[in-house]
PDB file of N, CA and C in Angstrom:
ATOM      1  N   UNK A   1      53.020 136.395  -1.988  1.00  0.00           N
ATOM      2  CA  UNK A   1      54.056 135.449  -2.354  1.00  0.00           C
ATOM      3  C   UNK A   1      53.477 134.052  -2.227  1.00  0.00           C
ATOM      4  N   UNK A   2      53.702 133.278  -3.255  1.00  0.00           N
ATOM      5  CA  UNK A   2      53.242 131.902  -3.182  1.00  0.00           C
ATOM      6  C   UNK A   2      54.142 131.125  -2.227  1.00  0.00           C
ATOM      7  N   UNK A   3      53.524 130.304  -1.418  1.00  0.00           N
ATOM      8  CA  UNK A   3      54.259 129.507  -0.431  1.00  0.00           C
ATOM      9  C   UNK A   3      54.837 128.287  -1.124  1.00  0.00           C
ATOM     10  N   UNK A   4      56.134 128.083  -0.955  1.00  0.00           N
ATOM     11  CA  UNK A   4      56.805 126.922  -1.526  1.00  0.00           C
ATOM     12  C   UNK A   4      56.999 125.875  -0.443  1.00  0.00           C
ATOM     13  N   UNK A   5      56.450 124.692  -0.663  1.00  0.00           N
ATOM     14  CA  UNK A   5      56.738 123.617   0.278  1.00  0.00           C
ATOM     15  C   UNK A   5      58.036 122.934  -0.157  1.00  0.00           C
ATOM     16  N   UNK A   6      58.502 122.010   0.631  1.00  0.00           N
ATOM     17  CA  UNK A   6      59.792 121.381   0.357  1.00  0.00           C
ATOM     18  C   UNK A   6      59.792 120.666  -0.994  1.00  0.00           C
ATOM     19  N   UNK A   7      58.698 120.047  -1.351  1.00  0.00           N
ATOM     20  CA  UNK A   7      58.615 119.359  -2.649  1.00  0.00           C
ATOM     21  C   UNK A   7      58.757 120.357  -3.803  1.00  0.00           C
ATOM     22  N   UNK A   8      58.084 121.515  -3.681  1.00  0.00           N
ATOM     23  CA  UNK A   8      58.204 122.562  -4.707  1.00  0.00           C
ATOM     24  C   UNK A   8      59.651 123.034  -4.828  1.00  0.00           C
ATOM     25  N   UNK A   9      60.292 123.263  -3.681  1.00  0.00           N
ATOM     26  CA  UNK A   9      61.688 123.717  -3.687  1.00  0.00           C
ATOM     27  C   UNK A   9      62.600 122.672  -4.312  1.00  0.00           C
ATOM     28  N   UNK A  10      62.343 121.405  -4.002  1.00  0.00           N
ATOM     29  CA  UNK A  10      63.162 120.325  -4.545  1.00  0.00           C
ATOM     30  C   UNK A  10      63.021 120.221  -6.062  1.00  0.00           C
ATOM     31  N   UNK A  11      61.842 120.573  -6.578  1.00  0.00           N
ATOM     32  CA  UNK A  11      61.589 120.502  -8.016  1.00  0.00           C
ATOM     33  C   UNK A  11      62.195 121.675  -8.792  1.00  0.00           C
ATOM     34  N   UNK A  12      62.567 122.724  -8.089  1.00  0.00           N
ATOM     35  CA  UNK A  12      63.128 123.907  -8.755  1.00  0.00           C
ATOM     36  C   UNK A  12      64.577 123.665  -9.169  1.00  0.00           C
ATOM     37  N   UNK A  13      64.932 124.229 -10.302  1.00  0.00           N
ATOM     38  CA  UNK A  13      66.316 124.191 -10.754  1.00  0.00           C
ATOM     39  C   UNK A  13      67.166 125.053  -9.827  1.00  0.00           C
ATOM     40  N   UNK A  14      68.410 124.679  -9.633  1.00  0.00           N
ATOM     41  CA  UNK A  14      69.314 125.481  -8.797  1.00  0.00           C
ATOM     42  C   UNK A  14      69.427 126.902  -9.334  1.00  0.00           C
ATOM     43  N   UNK A  15      69.280 127.080 -10.630  1.00  0.00           N
ATOM     44  CA  UNK A  15      69.378 128.407 -11.253  1.00  0.00           C
ATOM     45  C   UNK A  15      68.264 129.345 -10.799  1.00  0.00           C
ATOM     46  N   UNK A  16      67.223 128.803 -10.195  1.00  0.00           N
ATOM     47  CA  UNK A  16      66.101 129.613  -9.743  1.00  0.00           C
ATOM     48  C   UNK A  16      66.281 130.145  -8.324  1.00  0.00           C
ATOM     49  N   UNK A  17      67.465 129.972  -7.756  1.00  0.00           N
ATOM     50  CA  UNK A  17      67.768 130.465  -6.417  1.00  0.00           C
ATOM     51  C   UNK A  17      68.841 131.545  -6.498  1.00  0.00           C
ATOM     52  N   UNK A  18      68.775 132.511  -5.595  1.00  0.00           N
ATOM     53  CA  UNK A  18      69.828 133.524  -5.532  1.00  0.00           C
ATOM     54  C   UNK A  18      71.163 132.859  -5.195  1.00  0.00           C
ATOM     55  N   UNK A  19      71.122 131.914  -4.271  1.00  0.00           N
ATOM     56  CA  UNK A  19      72.305 131.156  -3.868  1.00  0.00           C
ATOM     57  C   UNK A  19      72.105 129.712  -4.347  1.00  0.00           C
ATOM     58  N   UNK A  20      72.453 129.412  -5.597  1.00  0.00           N
ATOM     59  CA  UNK A  20      72.135 128.098  -6.165  1.00  0.00           C
ATOM     60  C   UNK A  20      72.809 126.922  -5.461  1.00  0.00           C
ATOM     61  N   UNK A  21      74.047 127.062  -5.047  1.00  0.00           N
ATOM     62  CA  UNK A  21      74.760 125.959  -4.400  1.00  0.00           C
ATOM     63  C   UNK A  21      74.067 125.556  -3.095  1.00  0.00           C
ATOM     64  N   UNK A  22      73.616 126.552  -2.352  1.00  0.00           N
ATOM     65  CA  UNK A  22      72.965 126.316  -1.072  1.00  0.00           C
ATOM     66  C   UNK A  22      71.441 126.173  -1.222  1.00  0.00           C
ATOM     67  N   UNK A  23      70.937 126.475  -2.437  1.00  0.00           N
ATOM     68  CA  UNK A  23      69.497 126.459  -2.716  1.00  0.00           C
ATOM     69  C   UNK A  23      68.747 127.362  -1.733  1.00  0.00           C
ATOM     70  N   UNK A  24      69.281 128.570  -1.564  1.00  0.00           N
ATOM     71  CA  UNK A  24      68.671 129.553  -0.663  1.00  0.00           C
ATOM     72  C   UNK A  24      68.119 130.710  -1.472  1.00  0.00           C
ATOM     73  N   UNK A  25      67.031 131.260  -1.011  1.00  0.00           N
ATOM     74  CA  UNK A  25      66.361 132.425  -1.578  1.00  0.00           C
ATOM     75  C   UNK A  25      65.859 132.171  -3.006  1.00  0.00           C
ATOM     76  N   UNK A  26      64.713 131.479  -3.120  1.00  0.00           N
ATOM     77  CA  UNK A  26      64.125 131.233  -4.443  1.00  0.00           C
ATOM     78  C   UNK A  26      63.725 132.544  -5.114  1.00  0.00           C
ATOM     79  N   UNK A  27      63.802 132.557  -6.439  1.00  0.00           N
ATOM     80  CA  UNK A  27      63.498 133.752  -7.222  1.00  0.00           C
ATOM     81  C   UNK A  27      62.431 133.441  -8.273  1.00  0.00           C
ATOM     82  N   UNK A  28      61.335 132.840  -7.852  1.00  0.00           N
ATOM     83  CA  UNK A  28      60.358 132.371  -8.824  1.00  0.00           C
ATOM     84  C   UNK A  28      59.321 133.408  -9.242  1.00  0.00           C
ATOM     85  N   UNK A  29      59.197 134.502  -8.494  1.00  0.00           N
ATOM     86  CA  UNK A  29      58.253 135.558  -8.862  1.00  0.00           C
ATOM     87  C   UNK A  29      58.676 136.859  -8.166  1.00  0.00           C
ATOM     88  N   UNK A  30      57.960 137.934  -8.455  1.00  0.00           N
ATOM     89  CA  UNK A  30      58.313 139.253  -7.920  1.00  0.00           C
ATOM     90  C   UNK A  30      58.338 139.266  -6.396  1.00  0.00           C
ATOM     91  N   UNK A  31      57.392 138.611  -5.787  1.00  0.00           N
ATOM     92  CA  UNK A  31      57.324 138.578  -4.330  1.00  0.00           C
ATOM     93  C   UNK A  31      58.549 137.892  -3.730  1.00  0.00           C
ATOM     94  N   UNK A  32      58.965 136.787  -4.342  1.00  0.00           N
ATOM     95  CA  UNK A  32      60.156 136.087  -3.859  1.00  0.00           C
ATOM     96  C   UNK A  32      61.420 136.925  -4.073  1.00  0.00           C
ATOM     97  N   UNK A  33      61.461 137.684  -5.150  1.00  0.00           N
ATOM     98  CA  UNK A  33      62.612 138.556  -5.392  1.00  0.00           C
ATOM     99  C   UNK A  33      62.696 139.621  -4.304  1.00  0.00           C
ATOM    100  N   UNK A  34      61.569 140.257  -3.994  1.00  0.00           N
ATOM    101  CA  UNK A  34      61.558 141.270  -2.924  1.00  0.00           C
ATOM    102  C   UNK A  34      61.965 140.651  -1.589  1.00  0.00           C
ATOM    103  N   UNK A  35      61.502 139.439  -1.322  1.00  0.00           N
ATOM    104  CA  UNK A  35      61.857 138.749  -0.089  1.00  0.00           C
ATOM    105  C   UNK A  35      63.357 138.426  -0.055  1.00  0.00           C
ATOM    106  N   UNK A  36      63.906 138.006  -1.188  1.00  0.00           N
ATOM    107  CA  UNK A  36      65.337 137.690  -1.252  1.00  0.00           C
ATOM    108  C   UNK A  36      66.184 138.920  -0.946  1.00  0.00           C
ATOM    109  N   UNK A  37      65.742 140.076  -1.423  1.00  0.00           N
ATOM    110  CA  UNK A  37      66.463 141.316  -1.131  1.00  0.00           C
ATOM    111  C   UNK A  37      66.349 141.642   0.356  1.00  0.00           C
ATOM    112  N   UNK A  38      65.152 141.536   0.893  1.00  0.00           N
ATOM    113  CA  UNK A  38      64.922 141.873   2.302  1.00  0.00           C
ATOM    114  C   UNK A  38      65.710 140.961   3.240  1.00  0.00           C
ATOM    115  N   UNK A  39      65.871 139.705   2.872  1.00  0.00           N
ATOM    116  CA  UNK A  39      66.536 138.731   3.744  1.00  0.00           C
ATOM    117  C   UNK A  39      67.998 138.498   3.375  1.00  0.00           C
ATOM    118  N   UNK A  40      68.486 139.203   2.385  1.00  0.00           N
ATOM    119  CA  UNK A  40      69.820 138.952   1.841  1.00  0.00           C
ATOM    120  C   UNK A  40      70.899 138.916   2.926  1.00  0.00           C
ATOM    121  N   UNK A  41      70.901 139.880   3.813  1.00  0.00           N
ATOM    122  CA  UNK A  41      71.942 139.962   4.848  1.00  0.00           C
ATOM    123  C   UNK A  41      71.763 138.936   5.965  1.00  0.00           C
ATOM    124  N   UNK A  42      70.661 138.202   5.945  1.00  0.00           N
ATOM    125  CA  UNK A  42      70.420 137.170   6.952  1.00  0.00           C
ATOM    126  C   UNK A  42      70.951 135.803   6.525  1.00  0.00           C
ATOM    127  N   UNK A  43      71.309 135.665   5.261  1.00  0.00           N
ATOM    128  CA  UNK A  43      71.803 134.382   4.756  1.00  0.00           C
ATOM    129  C   UNK A  43      73.172 134.110   5.374  1.00  0.00           C
ATOM    130  N   UNK A  44      73.302 132.941   5.964  1.00  0.00           N
ATOM    131  CA  UNK A  44      74.554 132.572   6.632  1.00  0.00           C
ATOM    132  C   UNK A  44      75.267 131.473   5.853  1.00  0.00           C
ATOM    133  N   UNK A  45      76.564 131.358   6.102  1.00  0.00           N
ATOM    134  CA  UNK A  45      77.345 130.285   5.517  1.00  0.00           C
ATOM    135  C   UNK A  45      77.706 130.486   4.062  1.00  0.00           C
ATOM    136  N   UNK A  46      77.764 131.747   3.618  1.00  0.00           N
ATOM    137  CA  UNK A  46      78.156 132.040   2.241  1.00  0.00           C
ATOM    138  C   UNK A  46      79.289 133.054   2.239  1.00  0.00           C
ATOM    139  N   UNK A  47      80.101 133.002   1.209  1.00  0.00           N
ATOM    140  CA  UNK A  47      81.229 133.923   1.077  1.00  0.00           C
ATOM    141  C   UNK A  47      80.781 135.220   0.407  1.00  0.00           C
ATOM    142  N   UNK A  48      81.632 136.226   0.468  1.00  0.00           N
ATOM    143  CA  UNK A  48      81.335 137.471  -0.239  1.00  0.00           C
ATOM    144  C   UNK A  48      81.256 137.234  -1.739  1.00  0.00           C
ATOM    145  N   UNK A  49      82.073 136.327  -2.260  1.00  0.00           N
ATOM    146  CA  UNK A  49      82.001 136.002  -3.688  1.00  0.00           C
ATOM    147  C   UNK A  49      80.630 135.403  -4.025  1.00  0.00           C
ATOM    148  N   UNK A  50      80.138 134.505  -3.169  1.00  0.00           N
ATOM    149  CA  UNK A  50      78.815 133.927  -3.387  1.00  0.00           C
ATOM    150  C   UNK A  50      77.727 134.995  -3.278  1.00  0.00           C
ATOM    151  N   UNK A  51      77.909 135.950  -2.394  1.00  0.00           N
ATOM    152  CA  UNK A  51      76.958 137.063  -2.291  1.00  0.00           C
ATOM    153  C   UNK A  51      76.989 137.921  -3.557  1.00  0.00           C
ATOM    154  N   UNK A  52      78.189 138.163  -4.099  1.00  0.00           N
ATOM    155  CA  UNK A  52      78.292 138.916  -5.351  1.00  0.00           C
ATOM    156  C   UNK A  52      77.516 138.220  -6.467  1.00  0.00           C
ATOM    157  N   UNK A  53      77.681 136.914  -6.563  1.00  0.00           N
ATOM    158  CA  UNK A  53      76.982 136.140  -7.588  1.00  0.00           C
ATOM    159  C   UNK A  53      75.476 136.131  -7.330  1.00  0.00           C
ATOM    160  N   UNK A  54      75.081 135.968  -6.083  1.00  0.00           N
ATOM    161  CA  UNK A  54      73.661 135.965  -5.742  1.00  0.00           C
ATOM    162  C   UNK A  54      73.024 137.310  -6.089  1.00  0.00           C
ATOM    163  N   UNK A  55      73.754 138.384  -5.844  1.00  0.00           N
ATOM    164  CA  UNK A  55      73.224 139.715  -6.152  1.00  0.00           C
ATOM    165  C   UNK A  55      72.966 139.850  -7.646  1.00  0.00           C
ATOM    166  N   UNK A  56      73.835 139.285  -8.469  1.00  0.00           N
ATOM    167  CA  UNK A  56      73.624 139.300  -9.918  1.00  0.00           C
ATOM    168  C   UNK A  56      72.344 138.545 -10.268  1.00  0.00           C
ATOM    169  N   UNK A  57      72.120 137.417  -9.632  1.00  0.00           N
ATOM    170  CA  UNK A  57      70.910 136.626  -9.889  1.00  0.00           C
ATOM    171  C   UNK A  57      69.667 137.412  -9.476  1.00  0.00           C
ATOM    172  N   UNK A  58      69.755 138.070  -8.328  1.00  0.00           N
ATOM    173  CA  UNK A  58      68.615 138.845  -7.835  1.00  0.00           C
ATOM    174  C   UNK A  58      68.326 140.010  -8.772  1.00  0.00           C
ATOM    175  N   UNK A  59      69.361 140.704  -9.205  1.00  0.00           N
ATOM    176  CA  UNK A  59      69.160 141.844 -10.120  1.00  0.00           C
ATOM    177  C   UNK A  59      68.522 141.391 -11.432  1.00  0.00           C
ATOM    178  N   UNK A  60      68.964 140.251 -11.947  1.00  0.00           N
ATOM    179  CA  UNK A  60      68.385 139.724 -13.193  1.00  0.00           C
ATOM    180  C   UNK A  60      66.921 139.347 -12.989  1.00  0.00           C
ATOM    181  N   UNK A  61      66.625 138.694 -11.866  1.00  0.00           N
ATOM    182  CA  UNK A  61      65.237 138.308 -11.576  1.00  0.00           C
ATOM    183  C   UNK A  61      64.376 139.551 -11.350  1.00  0.00           C
ATOM    184  N   UNK A  62      64.929 140.556 -10.705  1.00  0.00           N
ATOM    185  CA  UNK A  62      64.191 141.797 -10.468  1.00  0.00           C
ATOM    186  C   UNK A  62      63.816 142.444 -11.804  1.00  0.00           C
ATOM    187  N   UNK A  63      64.734 142.444 -12.721  1.00  0.00           N
ATOM    188  CA  UNK A  63      64.452 143.002 -14.049  1.00  0.00           C
ATOM    189  C   UNK A  63      63.366 142.179 -14.734  1.00  0.00           C
ATOM    190  N   UNK A  64      63.479 140.868 -14.665  1.00  0.00           N
ATOM    191  CA  UNK A  64      62.512 139.969 -15.299  1.00  0.00           C
ATOM    192  C   UNK A  64      61.096 140.177 -14.752  1.00  0.00           C
ATOM    193  N   UNK A  65      60.987 140.357 -13.431  1.00  0.00           N
ATOM    194  CA  UNK A  65      59.680 140.477 -12.788  1.00  0.00           C
ATOM    195  C   UNK A  65      59.293 141.921 -12.496  1.00  0.00           C
ATOM    196  N   UNK A  66      60.046 142.874 -13.053  1.00  0.00           N
ATOM    197  CA  UNK A  66      59.750 144.299 -12.922  1.00  0.00           C
ATOM    198  C   UNK A  66      59.699 144.753 -11.457  1.00  0.00           C
ATOM    199  N   UNK A  67      60.726 144.357 -10.702  1.00  0.00           N
ATOM    200  CA  UNK A  67      60.857 144.750  -9.300  1.00  0.00           C
ATOM    201  C   UNK A  67      61.911 145.859  -9.230  1.00  0.00           C
ATOM    202  N   UNK A  68      61.542 146.982  -8.637  1.00  0.00           N
ATOM    203  CA  UNK A  68      62.473 148.098  -8.507  1.00  0.00           C
ATOM    204  C   UNK A  68      63.523 147.783  -7.443  1.00  0.00           C
ATOM    205  N   UNK A  69      64.782 147.965  -7.816  1.00  0.00           N
ATOM    206  CA  UNK A  69      65.896 147.761  -6.883  1.00  0.00           C
ATOM    207  C   UNK A  69      66.702 149.052  -6.878  1.00  0.00           C
ATOM    208  N   UNK A  70      66.762 149.710  -5.720  1.00  0.00           N
ATOM    209  CA  UNK A  70      67.486 150.976  -5.616  1.00  0.00           C
ATOM    210  C   UNK A  70      68.974 150.777  -5.374  1.00  0.00           C
ATOM    211  N   UNK A  71      69.345 149.687  -4.751  1.00  0.00           N
ATOM    212  CA  UNK A  71      70.743 149.416  -4.442  1.00  0.00           C
ATOM    213  C   UNK A  71      71.459 148.895  -5.694  1.00  0.00           C
ATOM    214  N   UNK A  72      72.688 149.349  -5.890  1.00  0.00           N
ATOM    215  CA  UNK A  72      73.474 148.838  -7.012  1.00  0.00           C
ATOM    216  C   UNK A  72      74.388 147.711  -6.568  1.00  0.00           C
ATOM    217  N   UNK A  73      74.577 147.570  -5.272  1.00  0.00           N
ATOM    218  CA  UNK A  73      75.459 146.558  -4.704  1.00  0.00           C
ATOM    219  C   UNK A  73      74.812 146.030  -3.427  1.00  0.00           C
ATOM    220  N   UNK A  74      74.996 144.752  -3.143  1.00  0.00           N
ATOM    221  CA  UNK A  74      74.367 144.163  -1.953  1.00  0.00           C
ATOM    222  C   UNK A  74      74.858 144.799  -0.663  1.00  0.00           C
ATOM    223  N   UNK A  75      76.023 145.398  -0.702  1.00  0.00           N
ATOM    224  CA  UNK A  75      76.567 146.043   0.507  1.00  0.00           C
ATOM    225  C   UNK A  75      75.797 147.291   0.886  1.00  0.00           C
ATOM    226  N   UNK A  76      74.951 147.783  -0.018  1.00  0.00           N
ATOM    227  CA  UNK A  76      74.132 148.975   0.238  1.00  0.00           C
ATOM    228  C   UNK A  76      72.792 148.645   0.897  1.00  0.00           C
ATOM    229  N   UNK A  77      72.438 147.370   0.954  1.00  0.00           N
ATOM    230  CA  UNK A  77      71.137 146.978   1.507  1.00  0.00           C
ATOM    231  C   UNK A  77      71.050 147.441   2.959  1.00  0.00           C
ATOM    232  N   UNK A  78      69.973 148.148   3.265  1.00  0.00           N
ATOM    233  CA  UNK A  78      69.729 148.599   4.635  1.00  0.00           C
ATOM    234  C   UNK A  78      70.483 149.852   5.024  1.00  0.00           C
ATOM    235  N   UNK A  79      71.266 150.405   4.125  1.00  0.00           N
ATOM    236  CA  UNK A  79      72.053 151.598   4.462  1.00  0.00           C
ATOM    237  C   UNK A  79      71.232 152.878   4.275  1.00  0.00           C
ATOM    238  N   UNK A  80      70.185 152.834   3.443  1.00  0.00           N
ATOM    239  CA  UNK A  80      69.376 154.017   3.203  1.00  0.00           C
ATOM    240  C   UNK A  80      70.072 154.991   2.275  1.00  0.00           C
ATOM    241  N   UNK A  81      69.318 155.937   1.813  1.00  0.00           N
ATOM    242  CA  UNK A  81      69.846 156.966   0.906  1.00  0.00           C
ATOM    243  C   UNK A  81      70.613 158.009   1.695  1.00  0.00           C
ATOM    244  N   UNK A  82      71.671 158.506   1.098  1.00  0.00           N
ATOM    245  CA  UNK A  82      72.458 159.576   1.737  1.00  0.00           C
ATOM    246  C   UNK A  82      72.340 160.844   0.940  1.00  0.00           C
TER     247      UNK A  82
END
């Protein structure tokens, strides 16, 4: 994953983040998408509606960068297969 410094993050469009309003979880490449999924439940200060929207952004970025996502909903993250 490429390391983003604050200047890089500031230069990114809000649309390039899973949580655009908060500018949290950048989605600039496959590595960042995987990281956003792994850290999704650690994001604080967001509503379930914002999480629903962020999940849509992550799924779109995952498709764009060919990242496999097994979960269909963010509520499934970390639950494992049954």
